[in-house]
Every structure is written in C-alpha cells, then in structure tokens.
Amino acid sequence: MNSQTLGALASDQKIQNVFHAFGYSIPVGKDGRRLWPTKFKREMVQRMRSGKLTIGEVQRTCRVCDTTAYKWKKKAGRIATKQNESTEKPTPVFAEIKVPDDKVQSQRPSDPVASRL
C-alpha cells in the first residue's frame, strides 16, 4: 500500500493508525483491526517457507495468533495449487488409425437384418 492510497484512506476517516512490521506499513482501522495487504501476507508466507522466518516470529512481530499465520500459509498454498491447475492444461493427442481394406469388407453382414414394426 503506497502513501497515496494510505493518505486517501486516512482522509476518508477509515484509517486512524499505522502498524509497522517487517518494513511494511499496515493500516489500522477505527476498530483497531489491522488491514493486512495481500502483498504483505504473500511476503510473510514466502519467508516462512524459505526458513527465513518462523511462525513464532511472525506471531510476535505482527502481534497475531499462530492460527492467523497458518491461515495465511494455507490460503497461499491453495492459491498456488489453483494457479498450477489452471496453467497446466493437457495437450490433446491424436493418432491415425489405418484399417486394411480387406478387414472392412469382411465385417459387413452378408444378409440384411429384417426389422419388424
């Protein structure tokens, strides 16, 4: 979230404070809830998966419960899975089948089938 957006939100009386964590400015609403930007959550998940951060470090620094950090991680995993599924489309495979002429003629019925109405 850039300063222009944050300024627009603050002037709109939606944001009273800003919370700082890991180099990000997180807007805090009137009710005291932090409005975690998607970019921030992705960055935290990436750091947790790479081993640069632990769930506990995210919990202490961001002042969130470990459940919240796990939810960020789980949601990022679901999004990544959906993106992989949507980008990996199966390629159609075609094969030409040739049937010899003598087999086609021999499979024809010799006497017609009569139908009753």
PDB file of N, CA and C in Angstrom:
ATOM      1  N   MET A   1       0.863  -1.165   0.000  1.00  0.00           N
ATOM      2  CA  MET A   1       0.000   0.000   0.000  1.00  0.00           C
ATOM      3  C   MET A   1       0.908   1.227   0.000  1.00  0.00           C
ATOM      4  N   ASN A   2       0.755   2.083  -0.985  1.00  0.00           N
ATOM      5  CA  ASN A   2       1.622   3.253  -1.074  1.00  0.00           C
ATOM      6  C   ASN A   2       1.069   4.398  -0.226  1.00  0.00           C
ATOM      7  N   SER A   3       1.858   5.435  -0.091  1.00  0.00           N
ATOM      8  CA  SER A   3       1.471   6.551   0.782  1.00  0.00           C
ATOM      9  C   SER A   3       0.255   7.296   0.251  1.00  0.00           C
ATOM     10  N   GLN A   4       0.077   7.331  -1.069  1.00  0.00           N
ATOM     11  CA  GLN A   4      -1.086   7.999  -1.639  1.00  0.00           C
ATOM     12  C   GLN A   4      -2.364   7.276  -1.247  1.00  0.00           C
ATOM     13  N   THR A   5      -2.346   5.955  -1.374  1.00  0.00           N
ATOM     14  CA  THR A   5      -3.519   5.167  -1.009  1.00  0.00           C
ATOM     15  C   THR A   5      -3.795   5.286   0.473  1.00  0.00           C
ATOM     16  N   LEU A   6      -2.738   5.187   1.280  1.00  0.00           N
ATOM     17  CA  LEU A   6      -2.880   5.288   2.726  1.00  0.00           C
ATOM     18  C   LEU A   6      -3.420   6.661   3.104  1.00  0.00           C
ATOM     19  N   GLY A   7      -2.926   7.701   2.439  1.00  0.00           N
ATOM     20  CA  GLY A   7      -3.402   9.057   2.695  1.00  0.00           C
ATOM     21  C   GLY A   7      -4.871   9.208   2.336  1.00  0.00           C
ATOM     22  N   ALA A   8      -5.260   8.603   1.227  1.00  0.00           N
ATOM     23  CA  ALA A   8      -6.664   8.671   0.815  1.00  0.00           C
ATOM     24  C   ALA A   8      -7.544   7.966   1.830  1.00  0.00           C
ATOM     25  N   LEU A   9      -7.092   6.822   2.334  1.00  0.00           N
ATOM     26  CA  LEU A   9      -7.870   6.101   3.340  1.00  0.00           C
ATOM     27  C   LEU A   9      -7.951   6.898   4.636  1.00  0.00           C
ATOM     28  N   ALA A  10      -6.832   7.515   5.039  1.00  0.00           N
ATOM     29  CA  ALA A  10      -6.812   8.278   6.285  1.00  0.00           C
ATOM     30  C   ALA A  10      -7.719   9.497   6.178  1.00  0.00           C
ATOM     31  N   SER A  11      -7.728  10.144   5.029  1.00  0.00           N
ATOM     32  CA  SER A  11      -8.575  11.317   4.874  1.00  0.00           C
ATOM     33  C   SER A  11     -10.047  10.924   4.813  1.00  0.00           C
ATOM     34  N   ASP A  12     -10.284   9.682   4.495  1.00  0.00           N
ATOM     35  CA  ASP A  12     -11.648   9.176   4.421  1.00  0.00           C
ATOM     36  C   ASP A  12     -12.147   8.718   5.792  1.00  0.00           C
ATOM     37  N   GLN A  13     -11.341   8.909   6.826  1.00  0.00           N
ATOM     38  CA  GLN A  13     -11.671   8.556   8.206  1.00  0.00           C
ATOM     39  C   GLN A  13     -11.769   7.052   8.431  1.00  0.00           C
ATOM     40  N   LYS A  14     -11.205   6.254   7.530  1.00  0.00           N
ATOM     41  CA  LYS A  14     -11.236   4.812   7.712  1.00  0.00           C
ATOM     42  C   LYS A  14     -10.015   4.323   8.475  1.00  0.00           C
ATOM     43  N   ILE A  15      -8.904   5.049   8.371  1.00  0.00           N
ATOM     44  CA  ILE A  15      -7.646   4.625   8.978  1.00  0.00           C
ATOM     45  C   ILE A  15      -7.241   5.647  10.031  1.00  0.00           C
ATOM     46  N   GLN A  16      -7.006   5.168  11.254  1.00  0.00           N
ATOM     47  CA  GLN A  16      -6.564   6.057  12.321  1.00  0.00           C
ATOM     48  C   GLN A  16      -5.074   5.922  12.581  1.00  0.00           C
ATOM     49  N   ASN A  17      -4.561   4.702  12.557  1.00  0.00           N
ATOM     50  CA  ASN A  17      -3.158   4.443  12.862  1.00  0.00           C
ATOM     51  C   ASN A  17      -2.515   3.610  11.766  1.00  0.00           C
ATOM     52  N   VAL A  18      -1.205   3.508  11.893  1.00  0.00           N
ATOM     53  CA  VAL A  18      -0.446   2.640  11.008  1.00  0.00           C
ATOM     54  C   VAL A  18       0.432   1.769  11.880  1.00  0.00           C
ATOM     55  N   PHE A  19       0.443   0.475  11.599  1.00  0.00           N
ATOM     56  CA  PHE A  19       1.248  -0.500  12.319  1.00  0.00           C
ATOM     57  C   PHE A  19       2.409  -0.890  11.414  1.00  0.00           C
ATOM     58  N   HIS A  20       3.626  -0.917  11.942  1.00  0.00           N
ATOM     59  CA  HIS A  20       4.806  -1.240  11.140  1.00  0.00           C
ATOM     60  C   HIS A  20       5.316  -2.631  11.487  1.00  0.00           C
ATOM     61  N   ALA A  21       5.531  -3.446  10.451  1.00  0.00           N
ATOM     62  CA  ALA A  21       6.058  -4.796  10.645  1.00  0.00           C
ATOM     63  C   ALA A  21       6.838  -5.210   9.407  1.00  0.00           C
ATOM     64  N   PHE A  22       8.063  -5.660   9.608  1.00  0.00           N
ATOM     65  CA  PHE A  22       8.918  -6.182   8.537  1.00  0.00           C
ATOM     66  C   PHE A  22       9.044  -5.216   7.369  1.00  0.00           C
ATOM     67  N   GLY A  23       9.124  -3.934   7.653  1.00  0.00           N
ATOM     68  CA  GLY A  23       9.302  -2.927   6.610  1.00  0.00           C
ATOM     69  C   GLY A  23       8.021  -2.513   5.907  1.00  0.00           C
ATOM     70  N   TYR A  24       6.898  -2.996   6.343  1.00  0.00           N
ATOM     71  CA  TYR A  24       5.614  -2.643   5.744  1.00  0.00           C
ATOM     72  C   TYR A  24       4.839  -1.733   6.699  1.00  0.00           C
ATOM     73  N   SER A  25       4.021  -0.858   6.134  1.00  0.00           N
ATOM     74  CA  SER A  25       3.110  -0.036   6.918  1.00  0.00           C
ATOM     75  C   SER A  25       1.722  -0.639   6.764  1.00  0.00           C
ATOM     76  N   ILE A  26       1.206  -1.150   7.863  1.00  0.00           N
ATOM     77  CA  ILE A  26      -0.086  -1.824   7.852  1.00  0.00           C
ATOM     78  C   ILE A  26      -1.136  -0.858   8.405  1.00  0.00           C
ATOM     79  N   PRO A  27      -2.164  -0.533   7.627  1.00  0.00           N
ATOM     80  CA  PRO A  27      -3.198   0.374   8.127  1.00  0.00           C
ATOM     81  C   PRO A  27      -4.021  -0.292   9.240  1.00  0.00           C
ATOM     82  N   VAL A  28      -4.400   0.508  10.228  1.00  0.00           N
ATOM     83  CA  VAL A  28      -5.220   0.035  11.345  1.00  0.00           C
ATOM     84  C   VAL A  28      -6.533   0.791  11.297  1.00  0.00           C
ATOM     85  N   GLY A  29      -7.630   0.060  11.264  1.00  0.00           N
ATOM     86  CA  GLY A  29      -8.954   0.662  11.173  1.00  0.00           C
ATOM     87  C   GLY A  29      -9.404   1.271  12.492  1.00  0.00           C
ATOM     88  N   LYS A  30     -10.555   1.917  12.462  1.00  0.00           N
ATOM     89  CA  LYS A  30     -11.121   2.553  13.659  1.00  0.00           C
ATOM     90  C   LYS A  30     -11.337   1.545  14.781  1.00  0.00           C
ATOM     91  N   ASP A  31     -11.679   0.335  14.412  1.00  0.00           N
ATOM     92  CA  ASP A  31     -11.961  -0.687  15.413  1.00  0.00           C
ATOM     93  C   ASP A  31     -10.696  -1.360  15.950  1.00  0.00           C
ATOM     94  N   GLY A  32      -9.527  -0.931  15.475  1.00  0.00           N
ATOM     95  CA  GLY A  32      -8.262  -1.477  15.956  1.00  0.00           C
ATOM     96  C   GLY A  32      -7.757  -2.670  15.168  1.00  0.00           C
ATOM     97  N   ARG A  33      -8.515  -3.104  14.198  1.00  0.00           N
ATOM     98  CA  ARG A  33      -8.088  -4.244  13.396  1.00  0.00           C
ATOM     99  C   ARG A  33      -7.104  -3.800  12.333  1.00  0.00           C
ATOM    100  N   ARG A  34      -6.059  -4.591  12.147  1.00  0.00           N
ATOM    101  CA  ARG A  34      -5.087  -4.303  11.094  1.00  0.00           C
ATOM    102  C   ARG A  34      -5.591  -4.853   9.773  1.00  0.00           C
ATOM    103  N   LEU A  35      -5.428  -4.084   8.731  1.00  0.00           N
ATOM    104  CA  LEU A  35      -5.871  -4.459   7.399  1.00  0.00           C
ATOM    105  C   LEU A  35      -4.655  -4.976   6.626  1.00  0.00           C
ATOM    106  N   TRP A  36      -4.422  -6.286   6.715  1.00  0.00           N
ATOM    107  CA  TRP A  36      -3.212  -6.889   6.150  1.00  0.00           C
ATOM    108  C   TRP A  36      -3.289  -6.915   4.630  1.00  0.00           C
ATOM    109  N   PRO A  37      -2.389  -6.212   3.939  1.00  0.00           N
ATOM    110  CA  PRO A  37      -2.378  -6.247   2.472  1.00  0.00           C
ATOM    111  C   PRO A  37      -1.974  -7.638   1.977  1.00  0.00           C
ATOM    112  N   THR A  38      -2.518  -8.030   0.854  1.00  0.00           N
ATOM    113  CA  THR A  38      -2.217  -9.332   0.265  1.00  0.00           C
ATOM    114  C   THR A  38      -0.722  -9.459  -0.015  1.00  0.00           C
ATOM    115  N   LYS A  39      -0.107  -8.387  -0.472  1.00  0.00           N
ATOM    116  CA  LYS A  39       1.331  -8.409  -0.770  1.00  0.00           C
ATOM    117  C   LYS A  39       2.135  -8.736   0.491  1.00  0.00           C
ATOM    118  N   PHE A  40       1.746  -8.183   1.617  1.00  0.00           N
ATOM    119  CA  PHE A  40       2.423  -8.443   2.886  1.00  0.00           C
ATOM    120  C   PHE A  40       2.287  -9.920   3.265  1.00  0.00           C
ATOM    121  N   LYS A  41       1.058 -10.440   3.165  1.00  0.00           N
ATOM    122  CA  LYS A  41       0.824 -11.835   3.533  1.00  0.00           C
ATOM    123  C   LYS A  41       1.630 -12.779   2.641  1.00  0.00           C
ATOM    124  N   ARG A  42       1.678 -12.485   1.347  1.00  0.00           N
ATOM    125  CA  ARG A  42       2.473 -13.320   0.424  1.00  0.00           C
ATOM    126  C   ARG A  42       3.946 -13.306   0.816  1.00  0.00           C
ATOM    127  N   GLU A  43       4.444 -12.124   1.155  1.00  0.00           N
ATOM    128  CA  GLU A  43       5.849 -11.988   1.555  1.00  0.00           C
ATOM    129  C   GLU A  43       6.127 -12.791   2.826  1.00  0.00           C
ATOM    130  N   MET A  44       5.231 -12.723   3.790  1.00  0.00           N
ATOM    131  CA  MET A  44       5.413 -13.478   5.044  1.00  0.00           C
ATOM    132  C   MET A  44       5.402 -14.986   4.784  1.00  0.00           C
ATOM    133  N   VAL A  45       4.496 -15.443   3.936  1.00  0.00           N
ATOM    134  CA  VAL A  45       4.423 -16.866   3.600  1.00  0.00           C
ATOM    135  C   VAL A  45       5.697 -17.305   2.897  1.00  0.00           C
ATOM    136  N   GLN A  46       6.179 -16.481   1.975  1.00  0.00           N
ATOM    137  CA  GLN A  46       7.411 -16.814   1.257  1.00  0.00           C
ATOM    138  C   GLN A  46       8.581 -16.921   2.231  1.00  0.00           C
ATOM    139  N   ARG A  47       8.666 -15.995   3.173  1.00  0.00           N
ATOM    140  CA  ARG A  47       9.744 -16.032   4.166  1.00  0.00           C
ATOM    141  C   ARG A  47       9.618 -17.239   5.087  1.00  0.00           C
ATOM    142  N   MET A  48       8.384 -17.601   5.468  1.00  0.00           N
ATOM    143  CA  MET A  48       8.185 -18.768   6.328  1.00  0.00           C
ATOM    144  C   MET A  48       8.569 -20.056   5.593  1.00  0.00           C
ATOM    145  N   ARG A  49       8.190 -20.160   4.343  1.00  0.00           N
ATOM    146  CA  ARG A  49       8.505 -21.369   3.565  1.00  0.00           C
ATOM    147  C   ARG A  49       9.990 -21.502   3.276  1.00  0.00           C
ATOM    148  N   SER A  50      10.670 -20.382   3.113  1.00  0.00           N
ATOM    149  CA  SER A  50      12.107 -20.437   2.825  1.00  0.00           C
ATOM    150  C   SER A  50      12.933 -20.639   4.093  1.00  0.00           C
ATOM    151  N   GLY A  51      12.307 -20.513   5.262  1.00  0.00           N
ATOM    152  CA  GLY A  51      13.018 -20.713   6.525  1.00  0.00           C
ATOM    153  C   GLY A  51      13.611 -19.444   7.102  1.00  0.00           C
ATOM    154  N   LYS A  52      13.388 -18.308   6.458  1.00  0.00           N
ATOM    155  CA  LYS A  52      13.898 -17.033   6.976  1.00  0.00           C
ATOM    156  C   LYS A  52      13.130 -16.584   8.212  1.00  0.00           C
ATOM    157  N   LEU A  53      11.866 -16.989   8.303  1.00  0.00           N
ATOM    158  CA  LEU A  53      11.018 -16.643   9.446  1.00  0.00           C
ATOM    159  C   LEU A  53      10.310 -17.895   9.951  1.00  0.00           C
ATOM    160  N   THR A  54      10.012 -17.888  11.238  1.00  0.00           N
ATOM    161  CA  THR A  54       9.202 -18.957  11.801  1.00  0.00           C
ATOM    162  C   THR A  54       7.808 -18.411  12.084  1.00  0.00           C
ATOM    163  N   ILE A  55       6.876 -19.319  12.312  1.00  0.00           N
ATOM    164  CA  ILE A  55       5.517 -18.904  12.670  1.00  0.00           C
ATOM    165  C   ILE A  55       5.561 -18.041  13.927  1.00  0.00           C
ATOM    166  N   GLY A  56       6.400 -18.421  14.880  1.00  0.00           N
ATOM    167  CA  GLY A  56       6.521 -17.672  16.137  1.00  0.00           C
ATOM    168  C   GLY A  56       7.012 -16.255  15.927  1.00  0.00           C
ATOM    169  N   GLU A  57       7.977 -16.073  15.026  1.00  0.00           N
ATOM    170  CA  GLU A  57       8.487 -14.724  14.749  1.00  0.00           C
ATOM    171  C   GLU A  57       7.411 -13.850  14.111  1.00  0.00           C
ATOM    172  N   VAL A  58       6.653 -14.428  13.199  1.00  0.00           N
ATOM    173  CA  VAL A  58       5.558 -13.687  12.572  1.00  0.00           C
ATOM    174  C   VAL A  58       4.509 -13.339  13.625  1.00  0.00           C
ATOM    175  N   GLN A  59       4.231 -14.302  14.497  1.00  0.00           N
ATOM    176  CA  GLN A  59       3.243 -14.097  15.555  1.00  0.00           C
ATOM    177  C   GLN A  59       3.650 -12.953  16.478  1.00  0.00           C
ATOM    178  N   ARG A  60       4.895 -12.944  16.918  1.00  0.00           N
ATOM    179  CA  ARG A  60       5.358 -11.906  17.855  1.00  0.00           C
ATOM    180  C   ARG A  60       5.454 -10.541  17.193  1.00  0.00           C
ATOM    181  N   THR A  61       6.054 -10.486  16.014  1.00  0.00           N
ATOM    182  CA  THR A  61       6.272  -9.203  15.353  1.00  0.00           C
ATOM    183  C   THR A  61       4.964  -8.570  14.877  1.00  0.00           C
ATOM    184  N   CYS A  62       4.079  -9.380  14.295  1.00  0.00           N
ATOM    185  CA  CYS A  62       2.824  -8.858  13.752  1.00  0.00           C
ATOM    186  C   CYS A  62       1.728  -8.800  14.804  1.00  0.00           C
ATOM    187  N   ARG A  63       1.997  -9.376  15.963  1.00  0.00           N
ATOM    188  CA  ARG A  63       1.013  -9.447  17.045  1.00  0.00           C
ATOM    189  C   ARG A  63      -0.277 -10.125  16.585  1.00  0.00           C
ATOM    190  N   VAL A  64      -0.097 -11.288  15.952  1.00  0.00           N
ATOM    191  CA  VAL A  64      -1.223 -12.110  15.531  1.00  0.00           C
ATOM    192  C   VAL A  64      -1.093 -13.466  16.204  1.00  0.00           C
ATOM    193  N   CYS A  65      -2.184 -14.200  16.285  1.00  0.00           N
ATOM    194  CA  CYS A  65      -2.094 -15.546  16.845  1.00  0.00           C
ATOM    195  C   CYS A  65      -1.514 -16.466  15.767  1.00  0.00           C
ATOM    196  N   ASP A  66      -0.971 -17.594  16.209  1.00  0.00           N
ATOM    197  CA  ASP A  66      -0.358 -18.500  15.248  1.00  0.00           C
ATOM    198  C   ASP A  66      -1.376 -19.042  14.242  1.00  0.00           C
ATOM    199  N   THR A  67      -2.637 -19.096  14.636  1.00  0.00           N
ATOM    200  CA  THR A  67      -3.683 -19.549  13.718  1.00  0.00           C
ATOM    201  C   THR A  67      -3.769 -18.636  12.501  1.00  0.00           C
ATOM    202  N   THR A  68      -3.646 -17.347  12.715  1.00  0.00           N
ATOM    203  CA  THR A  68      -3.709 -16.385  11.608  1.00  0.00           C
ATOM    204  C   THR A  68      -2.554 -16.619  10.639  1.00  0.00           C
ATOM    205  N   ALA A  69      -1.354 -16.802  11.176  1.00  0.00           N
ATOM    206  CA  ALA A  69      -0.195 -17.043  10.311  1.00  0.00           C
ATOM    207  C   ALA A  69      -0.366 -18.347   9.534  1.00  0.00           C
ATOM    208  N   TYR A  70      -0.900 -19.388  10.184  1.00  0.00           N
ATOM    209  CA  TYR A  70      -1.150 -20.650   9.488  1.00  0.00           C
ATOM    210  C   TYR A  70      -2.194 -20.485   8.393  1.00  0.00           C
ATOM    211  N   LYS A  71      -3.213 -19.643   8.652  1.00  0.00           N
ATOM    212  CA  LYS A  71      -4.241 -19.389   7.644  1.00  0.00           C
ATOM    213  C   LYS A  71      -3.635 -18.709   6.415  1.00  0.00           C
ATOM    214  N   TRP A  72      -2.752 -17.731   6.649  1.00  0.00           N
ATOM    215  CA  TRP A  72      -2.078 -17.072   5.524  1.00  0.00           C
ATOM    216  C   TRP A  72      -1.340 -18.111   4.695  1.00  0.00           C
ATOM    217  N   LYS A  73      -0.631 -18.990   5.381  1.00  0.00           N
ATOM    218  CA  LYS A  73       0.178 -20.005   4.709  1.00  0.00           C
ATOM    219  C   LYS A  73      -0.715 -20.983   3.942  1.00  0.00           C
ATOM    220  N   LYS A  74      -1.801 -21.409   4.565  1.00  0.00           N
ATOM    221  CA  LYS A  74      -2.715 -22.361   3.940  1.00  0.00           C
ATOM    222  C   LYS A  74      -3.388 -21.746   2.715  1.00  0.00           C
ATOM    223  N   LYS A  75      -3.839 -20.503   2.845  1.00  0.00           N
ATOM    224  CA  LYS A  75      -4.509 -19.839   1.733  1.00  0.00           C
ATOM    225  C   LYS A  75      -3.559 -19.644   0.560  1.00  0.00           C
ATOM    226  N   ALA A  76      -2.310 -19.286   0.854  1.00  0.00           N
ATOM    227  CA  ALA A  76      -1.316 -19.109  -0.215  1.00  0.00           C
ATOM    228  C   ALA A  76      -1.078 -20.434  -0.932  1.00  0.00           C
ATOM    229  N   GLY A  77      -1.106 -21.530  -0.194  1.00  0.00           N
ATOM    230  CA  GLY A  77      -0.940 -22.848  -0.798  1.00  0.00           C
ATOM    231  C   GLY A  77      -2.092 -23.206  -1.714  1.00  0.00           C
ATOM    232  N   ARG A  78      -3.318 -22.879  -1.288  1.00  0.00           N
ATOM    233  CA  ARG A  78      -4.489 -23.155  -2.124  1.00  0.00           C
ATOM    234  C   ARG A  78      -4.454 -22.326  -3.397  1.00  0.00           C
ATOM    235  N   ILE A  79      -4.061 -21.077  -3.276  1.00  0.00           N
ATOM    236  CA  ILE A  79      -3.998 -20.202  -4.453  1.00  0.00           C
ATOM    237  C   ILE A  79      -2.949 -20.714  -5.425  1.00  0.00           C
ATOM    238  N   ALA A  80      -1.787 -21.124  -4.906  1.00  0.00           N
ATOM    239  CA  ALA A  80      -0.728 -21.649  -5.765  1.00  0.00           C
ATOM    240  C   ALA A  80      -1.185 -22.918  -6.463  1.00  0.00           C
ATOM    241  N   THR A  81      -1.902 -23.772  -5.757  1.00  0.00           N
ATOM    242  CA  THR A  81      -2.397 -25.016  -6.349  1.00  0.00           C
ATOM    243  C   THR A  81      -3.393 -24.717  -7.461  1.00  0.00           C
ATOM    244  N   LYS A  82      -4.300 -23.777  -7.236  1.00  0.00           N
ATOM    245  CA  LYS A  82      -5.279 -23.407  -8.258  1.00  0.00           C
ATOM    246  C   LYS A  82      -4.591 -22.834  -9.491  1.00  0.00           C
ATOM    247  N   GLN A  83      -3.559 -22.016  -9.271  1.00  0.00           N
ATOM    248  CA  GLN A  83      -2.847 -21.424 -10.397  1.00  0.00           C
ATOM    249  C   GLN A  83      -2.133 -22.503 -11.198  1.00  0.00           C
ATOM    250  N   ASN A  84      -1.533 -23.471 -10.517  1.00  0.00           N
ATOM    251  CA  ASN A  84      -0.853 -24.566 -11.218  1.00  0.00           C
ATOM    252  C   ASN A  84      -1.842 -25.408 -11.997  1.00  0.00           C
ATOM    253  N   GLU A  85      -3.006 -25.678 -11.419  1.00  0.00           N
ATOM    254  CA  GLU A  85      -4.019 -26.470 -12.102  1.00  0.00           C
ATOM    255  C   GLU A  85      -4.541 -25.746 -13.332  1.00  0.00           C
ATOM    256  N   SER A  86      -4.739 -24.447 -13.233  1.00  0.00           N
ATOM    257  CA  SER A  86      -5.302 -23.706 -14.358  1.00  0.00           C
ATOM    258  C   SER A  86      -4.285 -23.491 -15.474  1.00  0.00           C
ATOM    259  N   THR A  87      -2.994 -23.472 -15.162  1.00  0.00           N
ATOM    260  CA  THR A  87      -1.990 -23.248 -16.201  1.00  0.00           C
ATOM    261  C   THR A  87      -1.549 -24.538 -16.868  1.00  0.00           C
ATOM    262  N   GLU A  88      -1.703 -25.674 -16.196  1.00  0.00           N
ATOM    263  CA  GLU A  88      -1.285 -26.948 -16.763  1.00  0.00           C
ATOM    264  C   GLU A  88      -2.458 -27.613 -17.465  1.00  0.00           C
ATOM    265  N   LYS A  89      -2.647 -27.276 -18.725  1.00  0.00           N
ATOM    266  CA  LYS A  89      -3.732 -27.859 -19.492  1.00  0.00           C
ATOM    267  C   LYS A  89      -3.196 -29.063 -20.254  1.00  0.00           C
ATOM    268  N   PRO A  90      -3.941 -30.149 -20.270  1.00  0.00           N
ATOM    269  CA  PRO A  90      -3.466 -31.308 -21.008  1.00  0.00           C
ATOM    270  C   PRO A  90      -3.464 -31.020 -22.502  1.00  0.00           C
ATOM    271  N   THR A  91      -2.443 -31.506 -23.173  1.00  0.00           N
ATOM    272  CA  THR A  91      -2.355 -31.300 -24.608  1.00  0.00           C
ATOM    273  C   THR A  91      -3.049 -32.468 -25.298  1.00  0.00           C
ATOM    274  N   PRO A  92      -3.865 -32.191 -26.294  1.00  0.00           N
ATOM    275  CA  PRO A  92      -4.558 -33.270 -26.985  1.00  0.00           C
ATOM    276  C   PRO A  92      -3.570 -34.131 -27.773  1.00  0.00           C
ATOM    277  N   VAL A  93      -3.846 -35.407 -27.792  1.00  0.00           N
ATOM    278  CA  VAL A  93      -3.000 -36.346 -28.521  1.00  0.00           C
ATOM    279  C   VAL A  93      -3.863 -37.003 -29.598  1.00  0.00           C
ATOM    280  N   PHE A  94      -3.366 -36.990 -30.798  1.00  0.00           N
ATOM    281  CA  PHE A  94      -4.096 -37.580 -31.913  1.00  0.00           C
ATOM    282  C   PHE A  94      -3.271 -38.714 -32.503  1.00  0.00           C
ATOM    283  N   ALA A  95      -3.976 -39.747 -32.939  1.00  0.00           N
ATOM    284  CA  ALA A  95      -3.314 -40.874 -33.591  1.00  0.00           C
ATOM    285  C   ALA A  95      -4.137 -41.260 -34.817  1.00  0.00           C
ATOM    286  N   GLU A  96      -3.443 -41.592 -35.871  1.00  0.00           N
ATOM    287  CA  GLU A  96      -4.112 -42.025 -37.091  1.00  0.00           C
ATOM    288  C   GLU A  96      -4.202 -43.541 -37.067  1.00  0.00           C
ATOM    289  N   ILE A  97      -5.383 -44.033 -37.305  1.00  0.00           N
ATOM    290  CA  ILE A  97      -5.589 -45.482 -37.330  1.00  0.00           C
ATOM    291  C   ILE A  97      -5.969 -45.873 -38.749  1.00  0.00           C
ATOM    292  N   LYS A  98      -5.206 -46.803 -39.313  1.00  0.00           N
ATOM    293  CA  LYS A  98      -5.497 -47.285 -40.659  1.00  0.00           C
ATOM    294  C   LYS A  98      -5.988 -48.716 -40.556  1.00  0.00           C
ATOM    295  N   VAL A  99      -7.118 -48.964 -41.182  1.00  0.00           N
ATOM    296  CA  VAL A  99      -7.689 -50.302 -41.200  1.00  0.00           C
ATOM    297  C   VAL A  99      -7.533 -50.843 -42.624  1.00  0.00           C
ATOM    298  N   PRO A 100      -6.962 -52.018 -42.743  1.00  0.00           N
ATOM    299  CA  PRO A 100      -6.806 -52.577 -44.095  1.00  0.00           C
ATOM    300  C   PRO A 100      -8.167 -52.783 -44.760  1.00  0.00           C
ATOM    301  N   ASP A 101      -8.220 -52.606 -46.079  1.00  0.00           N
ATOM    302  CA  ASP A 101      -9.472 -52.710 -46.832  1.00  0.00           C
ATOM    303  C   ASP A 101     -10.110 -54.089 -46.706  1.00  0.00           C
ATOM    304  N   ASP A 102      -9.327 -55.154 -46.661  1.00  0.00           N
ATOM    305  CA  ASP A 102      -9.903 -56.495 -46.616  1.00  0.00           C
ATOM    306  C   ASP A 102     -10.667 -56.747 -45.307  1.00  0.00           C
ATOM    307  N   LYS A 103     -10.283 -56.134 -44.203  1.00  0.00           N
ATOM    308  CA  LYS A 103     -10.992 -56.297 -42.929  1.00  0.00           C
ATOM    309  C   LYS A 103     -12.307 -55.529 -42.936  1.00  0.00           C
ATOM    310  N   VAL A 104     -12.342 -54.391 -43.594  1.00  0.00           N
ATOM    311  CA  VAL A 104     -13.556 -53.594 -43.646  1.00  0.00           C
ATOM    312  C   VAL A 104     -14.628 -54.344 -44.414  1.00  0.00           C
ATOM    313  N   GLN A 105     -14.285 -54.961 -45.536  1.00  0.00           N
ATOM    314  CA  GLN A 105     -15.245 -55.687 -46.353  1.00  0.00           C
ATOM    315  C   GLN A 105     -15.730 -56.956 -45.652  1.00  0.00           C
ATOM    316  N   SER A 106     -14.848 -57.616 -44.902  1.00  0.00           N
ATOM    317  CA  SER A 106     -15.241 -58.871 -44.266  1.00  0.00           C
ATOM    318  C   SER A 106     -16.150 -58.644 -43.061  1.00  0.00           C
ATOM    319  N   GLN A 107     -16.190 -57.466 -42.528  1.00  0.00           N
ATOM    320  CA  GLN A 107     -17.021 -57.206 -41.360  1.00  0.00           C
ATOM    321  C   GLN A 107     -18.458 -56.827 -41.742  1.00  0.00           C
ATOM    322  N   ARG A 108     -18.706 -56.628 -42.987  1.00  0.00           N
ATOM    323  CA  ARG A 108     -20.057 -56.278 -43.432  1.00  0.00           C
ATOM    324  C   ARG A 108     -20.935 -57.526 -43.346  1.00  0.00           C
ATOM    325  N   PRO A 109     -22.163 -57.345 -42.890  1.00  0.00           N
ATOM    326  CA  PRO A 109     -23.054 -58.524 -42.817  1.00  0.00           C
ATOM    327  C   PRO A 109     -23.420 -59.016 -44.198  1.00  0.00           C
ATOM    328  N   SER A 110     -23.455 -60.324 -44.343  1.00  0.00           N
ATOM    329  CA  SER A 110     -23.744 -60.909 -45.652  1.00  0.00           C
ATOM    330  C   SER A 110     -25.243 -60.840 -45.989  1.00  0.00           C
ATOM    331  N   ASP A 111     -26.087 -61.010 -44.986  1.00  0.00           N
ATOM    332  CA  ASP A 111     -27.510 -60.912 -45.270  1.00  0.00           C
ATOM    333  C   ASP A 111     -28.103 -59.787 -44.422  1.00  0.00           C
ATOM    334  N   PRO A 112     -28.959 -59.007 -45.007  1.00  0.00           N
ATOM    335  CA  PRO A 112     -29.542 -57.875 -44.291  1.00  0.00           C
ATOM    336  C   PRO A 112     -30.432 -58.339 -43.140  1.00  0.00           C
ATOM    337  N   VAL A 113     -30.480 -57.509 -42.118  1.00  0.00           N
ATOM    338  CA  VAL A 113     -31.296 -57.802 -40.963  1.00  0.00           C
ATOM    339  C   VAL A 113     -32.680 -57.229 -41.206  1.00  0.00           C
ATOM    340  N   ALA A 114     -33.672 -58.062 -41.032  1.00  0.00           N
ATOM    341  CA  ALA A 114     -35.035 -57.591 -41.240  1.00  0.00           C
ATOM    342  C   ALA A 114     -35.577 -57.066 -39.914  1.00  0.00           C
ATOM    343  N   SER A 115     -36.271 -55.995 -39.984  1.00  0.00           N
ATOM    344  CA  SER A 115     -36.851 -55.433 -38.782  1.00  0.00           C
ATOM    345  C   SER A 115     -38.359 -55.530 -38.871  1.00  0.00           C
ATOM    346  N   ARG A 116     -38.961 -55.775 -37.751  1.00  0.00           N
ATOM    347  CA  ARG A 116     -40.425 -55.869 -37.727  1.00  0.00           C
ATOM    348  C   ARG A 116     -40.985 -54.636 -37.034  1.00  0.00           C
ATOM    349  N   LEU A 117     -42.038 -54.149 -37.581  1.00  0.00           N
ATOM    350  CA  LEU A 117     -42.677 -52.988 -36.994  1.00  0.00           C
ATOM    351  C   LEU A 117     -43.911 -53.335 -36.255  1.00  0.00           C
TER     352      LEU A 117
END
